[in-house]
Amino acid sequence: MKQRLTTFLVEFSNLKLTRPASDKIRFIEIIAVALTAIGKFIFVDCLNLRLPFVIVTILAWSIYVVYRYKKDKMVLKDWGFRTDNFKSAIKLIVPFVIVSILSFFIIGYSRGTLNMTWHILPLLITYPIWGSVQQFLTIALVAGNLNNLKSMKLKKISIIFITAILFSVVHYPSVWLMIGTFILALFYGYVYLKVKNIYALGLFHGWLGALFYYTVVNQDPFADVFLKFL
């Protein structure tokens, strides 16, 4: 009897902590993501302020995450910041990662764009952080919110396609980045709607993204962002 009462109190407490976001909040979050994307074009593409943009974006959205968490203790888990399903997400992602890496080297070799230097090592460590932020914004706040709207019901395939287009457009004007991110977002959208885990998506996003730059795109983000300050 005592155990049942304890279980009931825990479940009741969780219900009190859970305040499902309204459609208004979901639309505001989607708009905020769109404004962040516009900011990328202004501060990164036009003003060449990539590092300041990344830092400000991470700080600003981190403040919002803390704000939402104080309002709803379950929101992090709902977004996908969780570890209980990490292995399940990894199992879905790994085959895609293997095929992607092989494709990167084949495309890079055929284009003569293979540029494997030690510069990739710092990115393999740091880029998953930025990758997690991108997955949170694009997949969780766009795909996740579109999927949970109460006022309108979209098919999952439509949600995945819309999200992939948005993620691809943000990487304009690099054609190869647009193609790569479109394919990545198609697959990641499917994975997220099946198994919500931002950590797994962000980790492999960072690793694949770093490798993509040094094999297919023929760019050196480490030199472009960090070495110019030295």
C-alpha atoms as a PDB file:
ATOM      1  CA  MET A   1       0.000   0.000   0.000  1.00  0.00           C
ATOM      2  CA  LYS A   2       2.808   2.380   0.924  1.00  0.00           C
ATOM      3  CA  GLN A   3       4.611   1.628  -2.357  1.00  0.00           C
ATOM      4  CA  ARG A   4       1.447   2.324  -4.385  1.00  0.00           C
ATOM      5  CA  LEU A   5       0.970   5.633  -2.566  1.00  0.00           C
ATOM      6  CA  THR A   6       4.586   6.600  -3.291  1.00  0.00           C
ATOM      7  CA  THR A   7       4.184   5.728  -6.975  1.00  0.00           C
ATOM      8  CA  PHE A   8       0.990   7.786  -7.165  1.00  0.00           C
ATOM      9  CA  LEU A   9       2.653  10.809  -5.563  1.00  0.00           C
ATOM     10  CA  VAL A  10       5.593  10.612  -8.004  1.00  0.00           C
ATOM     11  CA  GLU A  11       3.267  10.400 -11.013  1.00  0.00           C
ATOM     12  CA  PHE A  12       1.141  13.263  -9.662  1.00  0.00           C
ATOM     13  CA  SER A  13       4.266  15.361  -9.128  1.00  0.00           C
ATOM     14  CA  ASN A  14       5.348  14.717 -12.732  1.00  0.00           C
ATOM     15  CA  LEU A  15       1.937  15.842 -13.954  1.00  0.00           C
ATOM     16  CA  LYS A  16       2.305  19.106 -12.042  1.00  0.00           C
ATOM     17  CA  LEU A  17       5.716  19.682 -13.546  1.00  0.00           C
ATOM     18  CA  THR A  18       4.467  19.058 -17.070  1.00  0.00           C
ATOM     19  CA  ARG A  19       2.884  21.992 -18.837  1.00  0.00           C
ATOM     20  CA  PRO A  20       2.473  21.111 -22.533  1.00  0.00           C
ATOM     21  CA  ALA A  21       3.455  24.030 -24.721  1.00  0.00           C
ATOM     22  CA  SER A  22       0.622  25.790 -26.506  1.00  0.00           C
ATOM     23  CA  ASP A  23       0.561  26.157 -30.267  1.00  0.00           C
ATOM     24  CA  LYS A  24       1.327  29.853 -29.761  1.00  0.00           C
ATOM     25  CA  ILE A  25       4.597  29.000 -28.014  1.00  0.00           C
ATOM     26  CA  ARG A  26       5.455  26.434 -30.685  1.00  0.00           C
ATOM     27  CA  PHE A  27       4.905  28.946 -33.498  1.00  0.00           C
ATOM     28  CA  ILE A  28       6.966  31.574 -31.648  1.00  0.00           C
ATOM     29  CA  GLU A  29       9.817  29.083 -31.305  1.00  0.00           C
ATOM     30  CA  ILE A  30       9.676  28.251 -35.017  1.00  0.00           C
ATOM     31  CA  ILE A  31       9.748  31.957 -35.888  1.00  0.00           C
ATOM     32  CA  ALA A  32      12.683  32.477 -33.524  1.00  0.00           C
ATOM     33  CA  VAL A  33      14.568  29.687 -35.296  1.00  0.00           C
ATOM     34  CA  ALA A  34      13.835  31.369 -38.638  1.00  0.00           C
ATOM     35  CA  LEU A  35      15.180  34.672 -37.283  1.00  0.00           C
ATOM     36  CA  THR A  36      18.317  32.860 -36.112  1.00  0.00           C
ATOM     37  CA  ALA A  37      18.740  31.525 -39.648  1.00  0.00           C
ATOM     38  CA  ILE A  38      18.398  35.059 -41.045  1.00  0.00           C
ATOM     39  CA  GLY A  39      21.013  36.168 -38.540  1.00  0.00           C
ATOM     40  CA  LYS A  40      23.364  33.557 -39.990  1.00  0.00           C
ATOM     41  CA  PHE A  41      23.113  35.144 -43.444  1.00  0.00           C
ATOM     42  CA  ILE A  42      23.757  38.620 -42.003  1.00  0.00           C
ATOM     43  CA  PHE A  43      26.539  37.947 -39.509  1.00  0.00           C
ATOM     44  CA  VAL A  44      28.279  34.942 -41.076  1.00  0.00           C
ATOM     45  CA  ASP A  45      27.819  35.328 -44.837  1.00  0.00           C
ATOM     46  CA  CYS A  46      27.777  39.118 -45.092  1.00  0.00           C
ATOM     47  CA  LEU A  47      29.821  40.360 -42.126  1.00  0.00           C
ATOM     48  CA  ASN A  48      32.077  37.306 -41.761  1.00  0.00           C
ATOM     49  CA  LEU A  49      31.483  37.131 -38.001  1.00  0.00           C
ATOM     50  CA  ARG A  50      31.101  33.357 -37.707  1.00  0.00           C
ATOM     51  CA  LEU A  51      32.607  32.843 -34.244  1.00  0.00           C
ATOM     52  CA  PRO A  52      30.744  35.755 -32.566  1.00  0.00           C
ATOM     53  CA  PHE A  53      27.503  34.550 -34.179  1.00  0.00           C
ATOM     54  CA  VAL A  54      28.005  31.003 -32.919  1.00  0.00           C
ATOM     55  CA  ILE A  55      28.835  32.197 -29.388  1.00  0.00           C
ATOM     56  CA  VAL A  56      25.870  34.590 -29.187  1.00  0.00           C
ATOM     57  CA  THR A  57      23.510  31.979 -30.632  1.00  0.00           C
ATOM     58  CA  ILE A  58      24.583  29.361 -28.096  1.00  0.00           C
ATOM     59  CA  LEU A  59      24.299  31.806 -25.184  1.00  0.00           C
ATOM     60  CA  ALA A  60      20.924  33.208 -26.264  1.00  0.00           C
ATOM     61  CA  TRP A  61      19.308  29.832 -26.815  1.00  0.00           C
ATOM     62  CA  SER A  62      20.870  28.463 -23.619  1.00  0.00           C
ATOM     63  CA  ILE A  63      19.129  31.246 -21.691  1.00  0.00           C
ATOM     64  CA  TYR A  64      15.847  30.302 -23.349  1.00  0.00           C
ATOM     65  CA  VAL A  65      16.344  26.623 -22.511  1.00  0.00           C
ATOM     66  CA  VAL A  66      16.908  27.519 -18.834  1.00  0.00           C
ATOM     67  CA  TYR A  67      13.807  29.741 -18.891  1.00  0.00           C
ATOM     68  CA  ARG A  68      11.626  26.985 -20.362  1.00  0.00           C
ATOM     69  CA  TYR A  69      13.066  24.432 -17.946  1.00  0.00           C
ATOM     70  CA  LYS A  70      12.076  26.593 -14.976  1.00  0.00           C
ATOM     71  CA  LYS A  71       8.535  26.707 -16.369  1.00  0.00           C
ATOM     72  CA  ASP A  72       8.399  23.015 -17.228  1.00  0.00           C
ATOM     73  CA  LYS A  73      10.789  20.499 -15.668  1.00  0.00           C
ATOM     74  CA  MET A  74       9.944  17.904 -18.323  1.00  0.00           C
ATOM     75  CA  VAL A  75      10.689  20.072 -21.357  1.00  0.00           C
ATOM     76  CA  LEU A  76      14.304  18.916 -21.740  1.00  0.00           C
ATOM     77  CA  LYS A  77      13.228  15.299 -22.022  1.00  0.00           C
ATOM     78  CA  ASP A  78      10.440  16.298 -24.391  1.00  0.00           C
ATOM     79  CA  TRP A  79      12.949  18.089 -26.633  1.00  0.00           C
ATOM     80  CA  GLY A  80      15.280  15.094 -26.615  1.00  0.00           C
ATOM     81  CA  PHE A  81      17.933  16.033 -24.059  1.00  0.00           C
ATOM     82  CA  ARG A  82      17.886  12.563 -22.526  1.00  0.00           C
ATOM     83  CA  THR A  83      20.088   9.502 -22.119  1.00  0.00           C
ATOM     84  CA  ASP A  84      17.605   6.662 -21.624  1.00  0.00           C
ATOM     85  CA  ASN A  85      17.190   6.118 -25.381  1.00  0.00           C
ATOM     86  CA  PHE A  86      20.732   7.063 -26.431  1.00  0.00           C
ATOM     87  CA  LYS A  87      21.654   3.514 -27.485  1.00  0.00           C
ATOM     88  CA  SER A  88      18.467   3.138 -29.516  1.00  0.00           C
ATOM     89  CA  ALA A  89      19.236   6.346 -31.404  1.00  0.00           C
ATOM     90  CA  ILE A  90      22.851   5.267 -31.992  1.00  0.00           C
ATOM     91  CA  LYS A  91      21.727   1.961 -33.506  1.00  0.00           C
ATOM     92  CA  LEU A  92      19.551   3.838 -36.004  1.00  0.00           C
ATOM     93  CA  ILE A  93      22.242   6.374 -36.895  1.00  0.00           C
ATOM     94  CA  VAL A  94      25.396   4.219 -37.206  1.00  0.00           C
ATOM     95  CA  PRO A  95      24.539   2.561 -40.580  1.00  0.00           C
ATOM     96  CA  PHE A  96      23.840   5.998 -42.064  1.00  0.00           C
ATOM     97  CA  VAL A  97      27.123   7.314 -40.652  1.00  0.00           C
ATOM     98  CA  ILE A  98      29.137   4.469 -42.192  1.00  0.00           C
ATOM     99  CA  VAL A  99      27.578   4.983 -45.629  1.00  0.00           C
ATOM    100  CA  SER A 100      28.077   8.755 -45.320  1.00  0.00           C
ATOM    101  CA  ILE A 101      31.773   8.504 -44.450  1.00  0.00           C
ATOM    102  CA  LEU A 102      32.445   6.148 -47.365  1.00  0.00           C
ATOM    103  CA  SER A 103      30.545   8.526 -49.665  1.00  0.00           C
ATOM    104  CA  PHE A 104      32.551  11.515 -48.414  1.00  0.00           C
ATOM    105  CA  PHE A 105      35.879   9.916 -49.288  1.00  0.00           C
ATOM    106  CA  ILE A 106      34.650   8.640 -52.657  1.00  0.00           C
ATOM    107  CA  ILE A 107      33.282  12.059 -53.628  1.00  0.00           C
ATOM    108  CA  GLY A 108      36.339  13.841 -52.231  1.00  0.00           C
ATOM    109  CA  TYR A 109      38.736  11.556 -54.091  1.00  0.00           C
ATOM    110  CA  SER A 110      36.849  11.972 -57.380  1.00  0.00           C
ATOM    111  CA  ARG A 111      36.762  15.772 -56.967  1.00  0.00           C
ATOM    112  CA  GLY A 112      40.311  16.064 -55.662  1.00  0.00           C
ATOM    113  CA  THR A 113      39.104  17.824 -52.511  1.00  0.00           C
ATOM    114  CA  LEU A 114      40.522  15.525 -49.838  1.00  0.00           C
ATOM    115  CA  ASN A 115      42.304  17.763 -47.347  1.00  0.00           C
ATOM    116  CA  MET A 116      42.863  15.752 -44.172  1.00  0.00           C
ATOM    117  CA  THR A 117      44.983  17.825 -41.787  1.00  0.00           C
ATOM    118  CA  TRP A 118      45.355  17.945 -38.013  1.00  0.00           C
ATOM    119  CA  HIS A 119      42.937  20.882 -38.059  1.00  0.00           C
ATOM    120  CA  ILE A 120      40.085  18.396 -38.094  1.00  0.00           C
ATOM    121  CA  LEU A 121      40.970  17.095 -34.618  1.00  0.00           C
ATOM    122  CA  PRO A 122      39.851  20.191 -32.639  1.00  0.00           C
ATOM    123  CA  LEU A 123      36.629  20.248 -34.695  1.00  0.00           C
ATOM    124  CA  LEU A 124      35.875  16.608 -33.906  1.00  0.00           C
ATOM    125  CA  ILE A 125      35.914  17.643 -30.243  1.00  0.00           C
ATOM    126  CA  THR A 126      34.129  21.007 -30.415  1.00  0.00           C
ATOM    127  CA  TYR A 127      31.838  20.738 -33.433  1.00  0.00           C
ATOM    128  CA  PRO A 128      29.435  18.244 -31.762  1.00  0.00           C
ATOM    129  CA  ILE A 129      28.491  21.083 -29.388  1.00  0.00           C
ATOM    130  CA  TRP A 130      27.490  23.333 -32.276  1.00  0.00           C
ATOM    131  CA  GLY A 131      25.945  20.309 -33.986  1.00  0.00           C
ATOM    132  CA  SER A 132      23.739  19.691 -30.946  1.00  0.00           C
ATOM    133  CA  VAL A 133      22.630  23.329 -30.990  1.00  0.00           C
ATOM    134  CA  GLN A 134      21.729  23.049 -34.673  1.00  0.00           C
ATOM    135  CA  GLN A 135      19.804  19.832 -34.078  1.00  0.00           C
ATOM    136  CA  PHE A 136      17.952  21.411 -31.178  1.00  0.00           C
ATOM    137  CA  LEU A 137      16.939  24.409 -33.280  1.00  0.00           C
ATOM    138  CA  THR A 138      16.175  22.637 -36.542  1.00  0.00           C
ATOM    139  CA  ILE A 139      14.970  19.207 -35.525  1.00  0.00           C
ATOM    140  CA  ALA A 140      13.530  19.697 -32.032  1.00  0.00           C
ATOM    141  CA  LEU A 141      12.021  23.176 -32.366  1.00  0.00           C
ATOM    142  CA  VAL A 142      10.941  22.922 -35.999  1.00  0.00           C
ATOM    143  CA  ALA A 143      10.208  19.249 -36.696  1.00  0.00           C
ATOM    144  CA  GLY A 144       9.201  18.554 -33.096  1.00  0.00           C
ATOM    145  CA  ASN A 145       6.897  21.556 -32.829  1.00  0.00           C
ATOM    146  CA  LEU A 146       5.287  20.937 -36.217  1.00  0.00           C
ATOM    147  CA  ASN A 147       4.643  17.359 -35.173  1.00  0.00           C
ATOM    148  CA  ASN A 148       3.013  18.398 -31.883  1.00  0.00           C
ATOM    149  CA  LEU A 149       0.754  21.174 -33.144  1.00  0.00           C
ATOM    150  CA  LYS A 150      -2.822  20.786 -31.980  1.00  0.00           C
ATOM    151  CA  SER A 151      -4.426  23.284 -34.343  1.00  0.00           C
ATOM    152  CA  MET A 152      -3.147  21.556 -37.480  1.00  0.00           C
ATOM    153  CA  LYS A 153      -1.974  18.047 -38.225  1.00  0.00           C
ATOM    154  CA  LEU A 154       0.802  17.542 -40.736  1.00  0.00           C
ATOM    155  CA  LYS A 155       1.966  14.219 -42.097  1.00  0.00           C
ATOM    156  CA  LYS A 156       5.356  13.155 -40.797  1.00  0.00           C
ATOM    157  CA  ILE A 157       6.790  13.027 -44.318  1.00  0.00           C
ATOM    158  CA  SER A 158       5.745  16.663 -44.821  1.00  0.00           C
ATOM    159  CA  ILE A 159       7.326  17.696 -41.508  1.00  0.00           C
ATOM    160  CA  ILE A 160      10.581  15.954 -42.381  1.00  0.00           C
ATOM    161  CA  PHE A 161      10.642  17.514 -45.864  1.00  0.00           C
ATOM    162  CA  ILE A 162       9.924  21.054 -44.568  1.00  0.00           C
ATOM    163  CA  THR A 163      12.645  20.713 -41.931  1.00  0.00           C
ATOM    164  CA  ALA A 164      15.162  19.401 -44.465  1.00  0.00           C
ATOM    165  CA  ILE A 165      14.490  22.311 -46.829  1.00  0.00           C
ATOM    166  CA  LEU A 166      14.959  24.839 -44.012  1.00  0.00           C
ATOM    167  CA  PHE A 167      18.187  23.219 -42.857  1.00  0.00           C
ATOM    168  CA  SER A 168      19.493  23.088 -46.422  1.00  0.00           C
ATOM    169  CA  VAL A 169      18.651  26.730 -47.230  1.00  0.00           C
ATOM    170  CA  VAL A 170      20.494  27.909 -44.108  1.00  0.00           C
ATOM    171  CA  HIS A 171      23.723  26.524 -45.622  1.00  0.00           C
ATOM    172  CA  TYR A 172      23.427  28.601 -48.809  1.00  0.00           C
ATOM    173  CA  PRO A 173      25.475  29.458 -50.887  1.00  0.00           C
ATOM    174  CA  SER A 174      27.576  26.258 -50.692  1.00  0.00           C
ATOM    175  CA  VAL A 175      25.875  23.787 -53.034  1.00  0.00           C
ATOM    176  CA  TRP A 176      27.630  20.785 -51.513  1.00  0.00           C
ATOM    177  CA  LEU A 177      26.682  21.849 -47.992  1.00  0.00           C
ATOM    178  CA  MET A 178      23.079  22.352 -49.075  1.00  0.00           C
ATOM    179  CA  ILE A 179      22.946  18.883 -50.615  1.00  0.00           C
ATOM    180  CA  GLY A 180      24.652  17.246 -47.643  1.00  0.00           C
ATOM    181  CA  THR A 181      22.553  18.965 -44.993  1.00  0.00           C
ATOM    182  CA  PHE A 182      19.323  18.264 -46.902  1.00  0.00           C
ATOM    183  CA  ILE A 183      20.060  14.527 -46.925  1.00  0.00           C
ATOM    184  CA  LEU A 184      21.194  14.654 -43.293  1.00  0.00           C
ATOM    185  CA  ALA A 185      18.028  16.458 -42.186  1.00  0.00           C
ATOM    186  CA  LEU A 186      15.797  14.003 -44.062  1.00  0.00           C
ATOM    187  CA  PHE A 187      17.327  11.114 -42.154  1.00  0.00           C
ATOM    188  CA  TYR A 188      17.638  12.966 -38.857  1.00  0.00           C
ATOM    189  CA  GLY A 189      14.015  14.097 -39.046  1.00  0.00           C
ATOM    190  CA  TYR A 190      12.948  10.470 -39.398  1.00  0.00           C
ATOM    191  CA  VAL A 191      15.160   9.398 -36.488  1.00  0.00           C
ATOM    192  CA  TYR A 192      13.998  12.224 -34.219  1.00  0.00           C
ATOM    193  CA  LEU A 193      10.302  11.560 -34.766  1.00  0.00           C
ATOM    194  CA  LYS A 194      11.011   7.921 -33.957  1.00  0.00           C
ATOM    195  CA  VAL A 195      13.555   8.267 -31.116  1.00  0.00           C
ATOM    196  CA  LYS A 196      14.034  11.730 -29.611  1.00  0.00           C
ATOM    197  CA  ASN A 197      17.672  12.144 -28.641  1.00  0.00           C
ATOM    198  CA  ILE A 198      19.508  15.400 -29.347  1.00  0.00           C
ATOM    199  CA  TYR A 199      22.780  14.110 -27.875  1.00  0.00           C
ATOM    200  CA  ALA A 200      23.126  11.303 -30.425  1.00  0.00           C
ATOM    201  CA  LEU A 201      22.079  13.517 -33.339  1.00  0.00           C
ATOM    202  CA  GLY A 202      24.407  16.336 -32.281  1.00  0.00           C
ATOM    203  CA  LEU A 203      27.379  14.058 -31.737  1.00  0.00           C
ATOM    204  CA  PHE A 204      27.277  12.522 -35.194  1.00  0.00           C
ATOM    205  CA  HIS A 205      26.269  15.816 -36.776  1.00  0.00           C
ATOM    206  CA  GLY A 206      29.502  17.307 -35.449  1.00  0.00           C
ATOM    207  CA  TRP A 207      31.674  14.426 -36.586  1.00  0.00           C
ATOM    208  CA  LEU A 208      30.088  14.116 -40.019  1.00  0.00           C
ATOM    209  CA  GLY A 209      30.084  17.882 -40.504  1.00  0.00           C
ATOM    210  CA  ALA A 210      33.757  18.215 -39.665  1.00  0.00           C
ATOM    211  CA  LEU A 211      34.688  15.353 -41.977  1.00  0.00           C
ATOM    212  CA  PHE A 212      32.476  16.720 -44.761  1.00  0.00           C
ATOM    213  CA  TYR A 213      34.367  20.020 -44.775  1.00  0.00           C
ATOM    214  CA  TYR A 214      37.760  18.338 -45.170  1.00  0.00           C
ATOM    215  CA  THR A 215      36.711  15.752 -47.755  1.00  0.00           C
ATOM    216  CA  VAL A 216      33.949  17.163 -49.965  1.00  0.00           C
ATOM    217  CA  VAL A 217      33.651  20.922 -49.418  1.00  0.00           C
ATOM    218  CA  ASN A 218      37.438  21.528 -49.421  1.00  0.00           C
ATOM    219  CA  GLN A 219      37.217  24.150 -46.672  1.00  0.00           C
ATOM    220  CA  ASP A 220      39.165  24.504 -43.435  1.00  0.00           C
ATOM    221  CA  PRO A 221      36.731  25.851 -40.789  1.00  0.00           C
ATOM    222  CA  PHE A 222      39.417  25.698 -38.091  1.00  0.00           C
ATOM    223  CA  ALA A 223      41.673  28.041 -40.065  1.00  0.00           C
ATOM    224  CA  ASP A 224      38.771  30.282 -41.108  1.00  0.00           C
ATOM    225  CA  VAL A 225      37.427  30.685 -37.564  1.00  0.00           C
ATOM    226  CA  PHE A 226      40.357  30.316 -35.162  1.00  0.00           C
ATOM    227  CA  LEU A 227      43.693  30.817 -36.908  1.00  0.00           C
ATOM    228  CA  LYS A 228      42.818  34.327 -38.063  1.00  0.00           C
ATOM    229  CA  PHE A 229      42.795  35.374 -34.388  1.00  0.00           C
ATOM    230  CA  LEU A 230      46.322  34.058 -33.813  1.00  0.00           C
END
